[in-house]
């Protein structure tokens, strides 16, 4: 008995030391981010945050074209309204701090759910949770989609986090769906999780999500009637989609256009591929959910949905490093290697390797791989989880 207690104490001490080292690494990562943005004489310019500030001016002008200023549902104006009252540099810092906090929160949810998936109690193994959660957080923060998010000051991470925390089961059952509806009122894409709730047999959550979305949207009509009218009568017609062949647009539509401009003009082909990918993703999500693989079901839908819209900027694809991290944490050895490879493709290192390529065809292929992999995940699903071994008799 004494030997066992001594081994357990040494193991806990070792975990604590490793955890402290990892926490130091996370602190250095956050500090490096802060120095990059505010360490120079001139503070960093957050392109999208500047767009949000300008769009708020349009929202207060009854004659302004708010849809052209910001093609988001007008509830986004309510979310962003505080930017009017906070000095720009302070607002940028608060925004970045909130973004980093959400990334850390997502990382710890992945860690806790992964420990549960392999039969470990994260509540009893707090340092095990800290080590996994902090490692996940560092990997997420330095991934290509998160770097794009932080660099631009994008709203997408907040929308993703709302939907993810909801479908990952963080809310009590009676409130599940509320955050999906709220996220959909800010940007429409998270409403795909209404379909996800339906195909996984959770009709109540789907109805709550729809009710939440309608409620927040009606609230916006009361506050911004002109902006609401403009959005809901022009949705889908934004000129901000721009050149469909842009290398940083990672949607299926743009991938087709990069292969051949004539393919990009075939709306039916893009719709056929997009709808096909989402139907397959929802089918696999249902299968994962029925096997008790909640996180796989969520990540399949999230990953596939990133590329089916007409536009998919790099920061939209945070679902892919999330899926990669999940595979590394919860999969069999071969699945862990696949997860590591998936993470590499959505890392900053991949971009550095691909950018010097001299062959135009090869350069396009490296970009389109970023679009292809979410489609593959949607069509094939994520690897089936290994069964958890039962307790060993002593």
Protein backbone atom coordinates (compact mmCIF):
# COMPACT_ATOMS: atom_id res chain seq x y z
CA UNK A 1 0.00 0.00 0.00
CA UNK A 2 2.79 2.41 0.93
CA UNK A 3 4.63 1.69 -2.33
CA UNK A 4 1.48 2.44 -4.33
CA UNK A 5 0.94 5.71 -2.51
CA UNK A 6 4.55 6.70 -3.11
CA UNK A 7 4.31 5.95 -6.82
CA UNK A 8 1.04 7.92 -7.05
CA UNK A 9 2.59 10.89 -5.26
CA UNK A 10 5.63 10.87 -7.56
CA UNK A 11 3.35 10.58 -10.58
CA UNK A 12 1.26 13.55 -9.43
CA UNK A 13 4.41 15.58 -8.76
CA UNK A 14 5.68 14.78 -12.25
CA UNK A 15 2.36 15.79 -13.78
CA UNK A 16 2.40 19.02 -11.82
CA UNK A 17 5.89 19.87 -13.09
CA UNK A 18 4.95 19.09 -16.68
CA UNK A 19 1.78 21.12 -16.28
CA UNK A 20 3.72 24.11 -14.98
CA UNK A 21 6.10 23.91 -17.94
CA UNK A 22 3.16 23.80 -20.35
CA UNK A 23 1.50 26.74 -18.59
CA UNK A 24 4.74 28.66 -19.01
CA UNK A 25 4.70 27.82 -22.71
CA UNK A 26 1.15 29.13 -23.03
CA UNK A 27 2.10 32.33 -21.19
CA UNK A 28 5.01 32.83 -23.61
CA UNK A 29 2.70 32.23 -26.59
CA UNK A 30 0.24 34.85 -25.35
CA UNK A 31 3.05 37.28 -24.53
CA UNK A 32 4.54 36.82 -28.01
CA UNK A 33 1.14 37.57 -29.54
CA UNK A 34 0.86 40.73 -27.47
CA UNK A 35 4.36 41.90 -28.42
CA UNK A 36 3.72 41.29 -32.12
CA UNK A 37 0.58 43.43 -31.99
CA UNK A 38 1.60 46.16 -29.56
CA UNK A 39 5.36 45.94 -29.15
CA UNK A 40 6.16 48.37 -31.99
CA UNK A 41 5.76 52.17 -31.83
CA UNK A 42 2.67 51.86 -34.05
CA UNK A 43 0.03 49.37 -32.86
CA UNK A 44 -1.09 46.60 -35.18
CA UNK A 45 -3.91 47.46 -37.61
CA UNK A 46 -6.80 44.98 -37.29
CA UNK A 47 -8.38 45.08 -40.74
CA UNK A 48 -11.73 43.48 -39.91
CA UNK A 49 -12.17 45.33 -36.63
CA UNK A 50 -11.78 48.55 -38.60
CA UNK A 51 -14.51 47.36 -40.97
CA UNK A 52 -16.76 46.66 -37.99
CA UNK A 53 -16.24 50.18 -36.64
CA UNK A 54 -17.08 51.73 -40.01
CA UNK A 55 -20.15 49.51 -40.37
CA UNK A 56 -21.49 50.78 -37.05
CA UNK A 57 -21.51 54.28 -38.52
CA UNK A 58 -23.61 52.99 -41.40
CA UNK A 59 -26.01 51.30 -38.96
CA UNK A 60 -26.83 54.64 -37.33
CA UNK A 61 -27.45 56.34 -40.69
CA UNK A 62 -30.94 55.51 -41.95
CA UNK A 63 -29.92 56.16 -45.56
CA UNK A 64 -26.70 54.13 -45.52
CA UNK A 65 -26.23 50.79 -47.28
CA UNK A 66 -25.56 48.62 -44.24
CA UNK A 67 -25.50 45.39 -46.27
CA UNK A 68 -22.60 46.68 -48.35
CA UNK A 69 -20.85 47.89 -45.19
CA UNK A 70 -21.18 44.54 -43.40
CA UNK A 71 -23.02 41.56 -44.97
CA UNK A 72 -23.85 39.97 -41.60
CA UNK A 73 -27.28 39.65 -40.00
CA UNK A 74 -27.93 42.98 -38.25
CA UNK A 75 -27.82 41.37 -34.81
CA UNK A 76 -24.05 41.59 -35.30
CA UNK A 77 -24.39 45.37 -34.90
CA UNK A 78 -25.72 44.83 -31.37
CA UNK A 79 -22.81 42.53 -30.56
CA UNK A 80 -20.31 45.07 -31.92
CA UNK A 81 -21.98 48.20 -30.54
CA UNK A 82 -19.54 48.57 -27.65
CA UNK A 83 -16.77 49.36 -30.17
CA UNK A 84 -18.36 52.82 -30.48
CA UNK A 85 -17.57 53.64 -26.86
CA UNK A 86 -14.10 52.20 -26.30
CA UNK A 87 -10.84 53.76 -27.57
CA UNK A 88 -9.62 51.77 -30.61
CA UNK A 89 -6.38 50.42 -29.13
CA UNK A 90 -8.09 49.34 -25.90
CA UNK A 91 -10.92 47.76 -27.91
CA UNK A 92 -8.38 45.87 -30.03
CA UNK A 93 -6.70 44.57 -26.90
CA UNK A 94 -9.99 43.51 -25.32
CA UNK A 95 -10.98 41.79 -28.56
CA UNK A 96 -7.67 39.92 -28.74
CA UNK A 97 -7.86 38.92 -25.08
CA UNK A 98 -11.40 37.59 -25.60
CA UNK A 99 -10.29 35.69 -28.71
CA UNK A 100 -7.41 34.07 -26.85
CA UNK A 101 -9.73 33.19 -23.96
CA UNK A 102 -12.16 31.48 -26.33
CA UNK A 103 -9.36 29.51 -27.99
CA UNK A 104 -8.22 28.32 -24.56
CA UNK A 105 -11.81 27.43 -23.66
CA UNK A 106 -12.24 25.39 -26.85
CA UNK A 107 -8.91 23.67 -26.15
CA UNK A 108 -9.97 22.62 -22.66
CA UNK A 109 -13.34 21.32 -23.87
CA UNK A 110 -11.51 19.15 -26.41
CA UNK A 111 -9.17 17.94 -23.67
CA UNK A 112 -11.95 17.08 -21.22
CA UNK A 113 -14.07 15.31 -23.82
CA UNK A 114 -11.02 13.39 -25.08
CA UNK A 115 -10.22 12.16 -21.57
CA UNK A 116 -13.83 11.02 -21.19
CA UNK A 117 -13.64 9.22 -24.54
CA UNK A 118 -10.76 7.02 -23.33
CA UNK A 119 -12.30 6.33 -19.93
CA UNK A 120 -10.38 8.91 -17.88
CA UNK A 121 -12.00 11.14 -15.28
CA UNK A 122 -10.76 14.66 -15.94
CA UNK A 123 -12.31 15.88 -12.69
CA UNK A 124 -10.08 13.51 -10.74
CA UNK A 125 -7.02 14.09 -12.93
CA UNK A 126 -6.87 17.87 -12.98
CA UNK A 127 -3.20 18.09 -13.97
CA UNK A 128 -3.82 15.65 -16.80
CA UNK A 129 -6.54 18.01 -17.98
CA UNK A 130 -4.24 21.02 -17.62
CA UNK A 131 -1.46 19.39 -19.65
CA UNK A 132 -3.79 18.38 -22.47
CA UNK A 133 -5.79 21.61 -22.41
CA UNK A 134 -2.75 23.88 -22.44
CA UNK A 135 -1.06 21.86 -25.20
CA UNK A 136 -4.27 22.09 -27.24
CA UNK A 137 -4.46 25.83 -26.61
CA UNK A 138 -0.92 26.45 -27.85
CA UNK A 139 -1.56 24.34 -30.97
CA UNK A 140 -4.82 26.18 -31.69
CA UNK A 141 -3.34 29.65 -31.16
CA UNK A 142 -0.45 29.02 -33.58
CA UNK A 143 -2.60 27.28 -36.21
CA UNK A 144 -3.15 29.08 -39.51
CA UNK A 145 -6.90 29.74 -39.01
CA UNK A 146 -6.36 31.15 -35.51
CA UNK A 147 -3.43 33.32 -36.62
CA UNK A 148 -5.68 34.73 -39.36
CA UNK A 149 -8.46 35.29 -36.80
CA UNK A 150 -6.18 37.11 -34.37
CA UNK A 151 -4.40 39.12 -37.07
CA UNK A 152 -7.64 40.46 -38.57
CA UNK A 153 -9.69 40.83 -35.39
CA UNK A 154 -12.43 38.62 -36.81
CA UNK A 155 -15.86 37.89 -35.36
CA UNK A 156 -15.91 34.31 -36.70
CA UNK A 157 -14.23 32.79 -33.65
CA UNK A 158 -16.96 34.12 -31.35
CA UNK A 159 -19.62 32.61 -33.62
CA UNK A 160 -17.80 29.27 -33.81
CA UNK A 161 -17.31 29.15 -30.04
CA UNK A 162 -21.00 29.80 -29.33
CA UNK A 163 -22.06 26.95 -31.59
CA UNK A 164 -19.32 24.60 -30.41
CA UNK A 165 -19.97 25.08 -26.70
CA UNK A 166 -23.66 24.38 -27.36
CA UNK A 167 -23.35 21.23 -29.48
CA UNK A 168 -20.48 19.89 -27.34
CA UNK A 169 -22.98 19.56 -24.49
CA UNK A 170 -21.75 22.26 -22.12
CA UNK A 171 -25.24 23.61 -21.48
CA UNK A 172 -27.99 21.91 -19.45
CA UNK A 173 -30.31 19.96 -21.75
CA UNK A 174 -33.17 22.46 -21.48
CA UNK A 175 -30.92 25.28 -22.74
CA UNK A 176 -29.20 23.36 -25.53
CA UNK A 177 -29.83 25.10 -28.84
CA UNK A 178 -29.90 28.64 -27.42
CA UNK A 179 -26.29 29.40 -28.33
CA UNK A 180 -26.66 27.89 -31.80
CA UNK A 181 -29.58 30.26 -32.40
CA UNK A 182 -27.57 33.19 -31.05
CA UNK A 183 -24.61 32.31 -33.27
CA UNK A 184 -26.95 32.04 -36.28
CA UNK A 185 -28.32 35.50 -35.54
CA UNK A 186 -24.77 36.87 -35.86
CA UNK A 187 -23.74 34.78 -38.88
CA UNK A 188 -26.02 32.33 -40.67
CA UNK A 189 -23.63 29.38 -41.07
CA UNK A 190 -24.10 27.96 -37.52
CA UNK A 191 -27.74 27.25 -38.38
CA UNK A 192 -26.44 24.06 -40.01
CA UNK A 193 -26.46 22.70 -36.47
CA UNK A 194 -30.26 22.90 -36.49
CA UNK A 195 -30.10 20.17 -39.14
CA UNK A 196 -27.50 18.40 -37.01
CA UNK A 197 -29.85 18.38 -34.02
CA UNK A 198 -32.61 16.98 -36.22
CA UNK A 199 -30.60 14.14 -37.79
CA UNK A 200 -29.29 13.12 -34.36
CA UNK A 201 -32.86 12.91 -33.04
CA UNK A 202 -32.77 15.99 -30.80
CA UNK A 203 -35.86 17.75 -32.06
CA UNK A 204 -36.26 19.81 -28.88
CA UNK A 205 -32.79 21.31 -29.27
CA UNK A 206 -33.48 22.08 -32.92
CA UNK A 207 -36.68 23.92 -32.01
CA UNK A 208 -34.91 25.82 -29.23
CA UNK A 209 -32.18 26.86 -31.69
CA UNK A 210 -34.76 28.07 -34.21
CA UNK A 211 -36.71 29.90 -31.52
CA UNK A 212 -33.53 31.52 -30.22
CA UNK A 213 -32.55 32.60 -33.74
CA UNK A 214 -35.98 34.06 -34.46
CA UNK A 215 -36.09 35.85 -31.10
CA UNK A 216 -32.70 37.53 -31.51
CA UNK A 217 -33.52 38.41 -35.12
CA UNK A 218 -36.85 40.02 -34.17
CA UNK A 219 -35.06 42.00 -31.46
CA UNK A 220 -32.78 43.38 -34.16
CA UNK A 221 -35.77 44.48 -36.25
CA UNK A 222 -36.85 46.65 -33.32
CA UNK A 223 -33.42 48.26 -32.92
CA UNK A 224 -32.22 48.39 -36.55
CA UNK A 225 -35.30 48.18 -38.79
CA UNK A 226 -33.60 49.70 -41.84
CA UNK A 227 -30.52 47.48 -41.59
CA UNK A 228 -32.72 44.43 -41.02
CA UNK A 229 -34.80 45.17 -44.09
CA UNK A 230 -31.68 45.64 -46.20
CA UNK A 231 -30.11 42.40 -45.04
CA UNK A 232 -33.11 40.11 -45.38
CA UNK A 233 -34.01 41.48 -48.82
CA UNK A 234 -30.44 41.29 -50.16
CA UNK A 235 -29.00 38.21 -48.43
CA UNK A 236 -26.71 36.28 -50.76
CA UNK A 237 -25.94 39.23 -53.00
CA UNK A 238 -22.88 40.74 -51.34
CA UNK A 239 -20.27 42.12 -53.71
CA UNK A 240 -17.67 41.45 -51.01
CA UNK A 241 -17.23 37.90 -52.28
CA UNK A 242 -14.98 39.45 -54.93
CA UNK A 243 -12.70 37.39 -57.15
CA UNK A 244 -13.65 33.74 -56.75
CA UNK A 245 -10.14 32.63 -57.76
CA UNK A 246 -8.48 34.37 -54.80
CA UNK A 247 -6.02 32.04 -53.10
CA UNK A 248 -7.34 32.96 -49.65
CA UNK A 249 -10.92 31.98 -50.52
CA UNK A 250 -11.01 28.29 -49.62
CA UNK A 251 -14.61 27.50 -50.57
CA UNK A 252 -15.61 24.75 -53.00
CA UNK A 253 -16.79 27.42 -55.43
CA UNK A 254 -13.40 29.13 -55.45
CA UNK A 255 -11.51 25.85 -55.73
CA UNK A 256 -13.49 25.08 -58.88
CA UNK A 257 -12.73 28.55 -60.25
CA UNK A 258 -9.01 28.10 -59.61
CA UNK A 259 -9.06 24.82 -61.53
CA UNK A 260 -10.89 26.48 -64.43
CA UNK A 261 -12.79 29.81 -64.54
CA UNK A 262 -15.56 28.10 -66.51
CA UNK A 263 -16.05 25.59 -63.68
CA UNK A 264 -16.35 28.45 -61.21
CA UNK A 265 -19.22 29.86 -63.26
CA UNK A 266 -21.22 26.63 -63.03
CA UNK A 267 -23.37 27.40 -60.01
CA UNK A 268 -25.14 24.07 -60.30
CA UNK A 269 -21.84 22.18 -59.91
CA UNK A 270 -20.82 24.10 -56.80
CA UNK A 271 -24.29 23.61 -55.29
CA UNK A 272 -24.29 19.90 -56.17
CA UNK A 273 -20.92 19.35 -54.53
CA UNK A 274 -21.75 21.50 -51.49
CA UNK A 275 -25.13 19.88 -50.86
CA UNK A 276 -23.63 16.43 -51.41
CA UNK A 277 -20.85 17.09 -48.91
CA UNK A 278 -23.29 18.37 -46.28
CA UNK A 279 -25.73 15.48 -46.73
CA UNK A 280 -22.87 13.03 -46.31
CA UNK A 281 -21.54 14.96 -43.30
CA UNK A 282 -24.94 14.92 -41.59
CA UNK A 283 -25.31 11.19 -42.29
CA UNK A 284 -21.90 10.48 -40.76
CA UNK A 285 -22.73 12.78 -37.84
CA UNK A 286 -25.81 10.68 -37.16
CA UNK A 287 -23.75 7.48 -37.27
CA UNK A 288 -21.09 8.92 -34.96
CA UNK A 289 -23.74 10.14 -32.53
CA UNK A 290 -25.49 6.76 -32.47
CA UNK A 291 -22.16 5.13 -31.53
CA UNK A 292 -21.71 7.58 -28.65
CA UNK A 293 -19.09 9.61 -30.53
CA UNK A 294 -20.46 13.06 -29.77
CA UNK A 295 -17.34 15.07 -30.61
CA UNK A 296 -16.77 13.25 -33.90
CA UNK A 297 -20.35 14.02 -34.92
CA UNK A 298 -19.90 17.72 -34.09
CA UNK A 299 -16.51 18.07 -35.77
CA UNK A 300 -17.61 16.36 -39.00
CA UNK A 301 -20.43 18.86 -39.48
CA UNK A 302 -18.33 21.84 -38.41
CA UNK A 303 -15.44 20.93 -40.73
CA UNK A 304 -17.62 20.23 -43.77
CA UNK A 305 -19.72 23.37 -43.34
CA UNK A 306 -16.66 25.64 -43.61
CA UNK A 307 -16.24 25.18 -47.37
CA UNK A 308 -19.79 24.89 -48.74
CA UNK A 309 -20.66 28.61 -48.61
CA UNK A 310 -19.57 30.90 -51.52
CA UNK A 311 -16.76 32.25 -49.39
CA UNK A 312 -14.45 30.56 -46.88
CA UNK A 313 -11.68 32.73 -45.54
CA UNK A 314 -8.79 31.00 -43.70
CA UNK A 315 -10.11 31.92 -40.25
CA UNK A 316 -13.31 29.97 -40.98
CA UNK A 317 -11.33 26.72 -40.99
CA UNK A 318 -10.54 26.52 -37.27
CA UNK A 319 -12.71 23.40 -37.19
CA UNK A 320 -9.91 21.53 -39.01
CA UNK A 321 -7.13 21.95 -36.42
CA UNK A 322 -9.79 21.21 -33.80
CA UNK A 323 -10.59 17.93 -35.58
CA UNK A 324 -6.87 17.18 -35.92
CA UNK A 325 -6.25 17.71 -32.21
CA UNK A 326 -9.23 15.52 -31.37
CA UNK A 327 -7.85 12.69 -33.54
CA UNK A 328 -4.47 12.91 -31.81
CA UNK A 329 -6.02 12.88 -28.34
CA UNK A 330 -8.64 10.17 -28.75
CA UNK A 331 -7.68 7.98 -31.70
CA UNK A 332 -5.76 4.76 -32.25
CA UNK A 333 -2.04 5.13 -33.16
CA UNK A 334 -2.67 5.32 -36.92
CA UNK A 335 -5.45 7.87 -36.34
CA UNK A 336 -3.10 9.98 -34.24
CA UNK A 337 -0.64 10.10 -37.13
CA UNK A 338 -3.46 11.11 -39.48
CA UNK A 339 -4.44 13.81 -37.01
CA UNK A 340 -0.87 15.09 -36.88
CA UNK A 341 -0.81 15.24 -40.68
CA UNK A 342 -4.14 17.07 -40.75
CA UNK A 343 -2.86 19.60 -38.23
CA UNK A 344 0.28 20.17 -40.33
CA UNK A 345 -1.80 21.13 -43.37
CA UNK A 346 -3.57 23.83 -41.33
CA UNK A 347 -0.42 25.03 -39.59
CA UNK A 348 1.63 28.11 -40.42
CA UNK A 349 4.51 25.79 -41.35
CA UNK A 350 2.49 24.36 -44.27
CA UNK A 351 1.96 27.87 -45.63
CA UNK A 352 5.67 28.62 -45.36
CA UNK A 353 6.51 25.41 -47.22
CA UNK A 354 3.91 25.99 -49.93
CA UNK A 355 4.46 29.70 -50.56
CA UNK A 356 7.86 29.47 -52.35
CA UNK A 357 6.60 26.92 -54.91
CA UNK A 358 7.46 28.06 -58.43
CA UNK A 359 5.03 25.81 -60.30
CA UNK A 360 1.61 27.52 -60.57
CA UNK A 361 -0.16 24.17 -60.77
CA UNK A 362 1.55 22.84 -57.68
CA UNK A 363 0.91 26.07 -55.79
CA UNK A 364 -2.81 25.86 -56.63
CA UNK A 365 -2.88 22.22 -55.54
CA UNK A 366 -1.39 23.06 -52.14
CA UNK A 367 -4.07 25.72 -51.62
CA UNK A 368 -6.90 23.50 -52.80
CA UNK A 369 -5.82 20.77 -50.39
CA UNK A 370 -7.12 23.11 -47.68
CA UNK A 371 -10.54 22.88 -49.35
CA UNK A 372 -10.36 19.20 -50.22
CA UNK A 373 -9.76 17.90 -46.70
CA UNK A 374 -12.99 19.34 -45.20
CA UNK A 375 -14.84 17.75 -48.12
CA UNK A 376 -13.16 14.40 -47.43
CA UNK A 377 -14.10 14.62 -43.75
CA UNK A 378 -17.69 15.41 -44.74
CA UNK A 379 -17.89 12.53 -47.23
CA UNK A 380 -16.01 9.94 -45.15
CA UNK A 381 -16.57 11.06 -41.58
CA UNK A 382 -13.89 10.82 -38.90
CA UNK A 383 -12.24 7.50 -37.96
CA UNK A 384 -14.27 5.25 -35.73
CA UNK A 385 -13.18 5.47 -32.12
CA UNK A 386 -11.52 2.46 -30.49
CA UNK A 387 -13.64 0.87 -27.73
CA UNK A 388 -12.69 1.88 -24.21
CA UNK A 389 -11.10 -0.96 -22.29
CA UNK A 390 -12.94 -2.02 -19.18
CA UNK A 391 -11.40 -1.92 -15.72
CA UNK A 392 -8.65 -4.47 -15.12
CA UNK A 393 -9.32 -6.89 -12.28
CA UNK A 394 -6.69 -6.95 -9.56
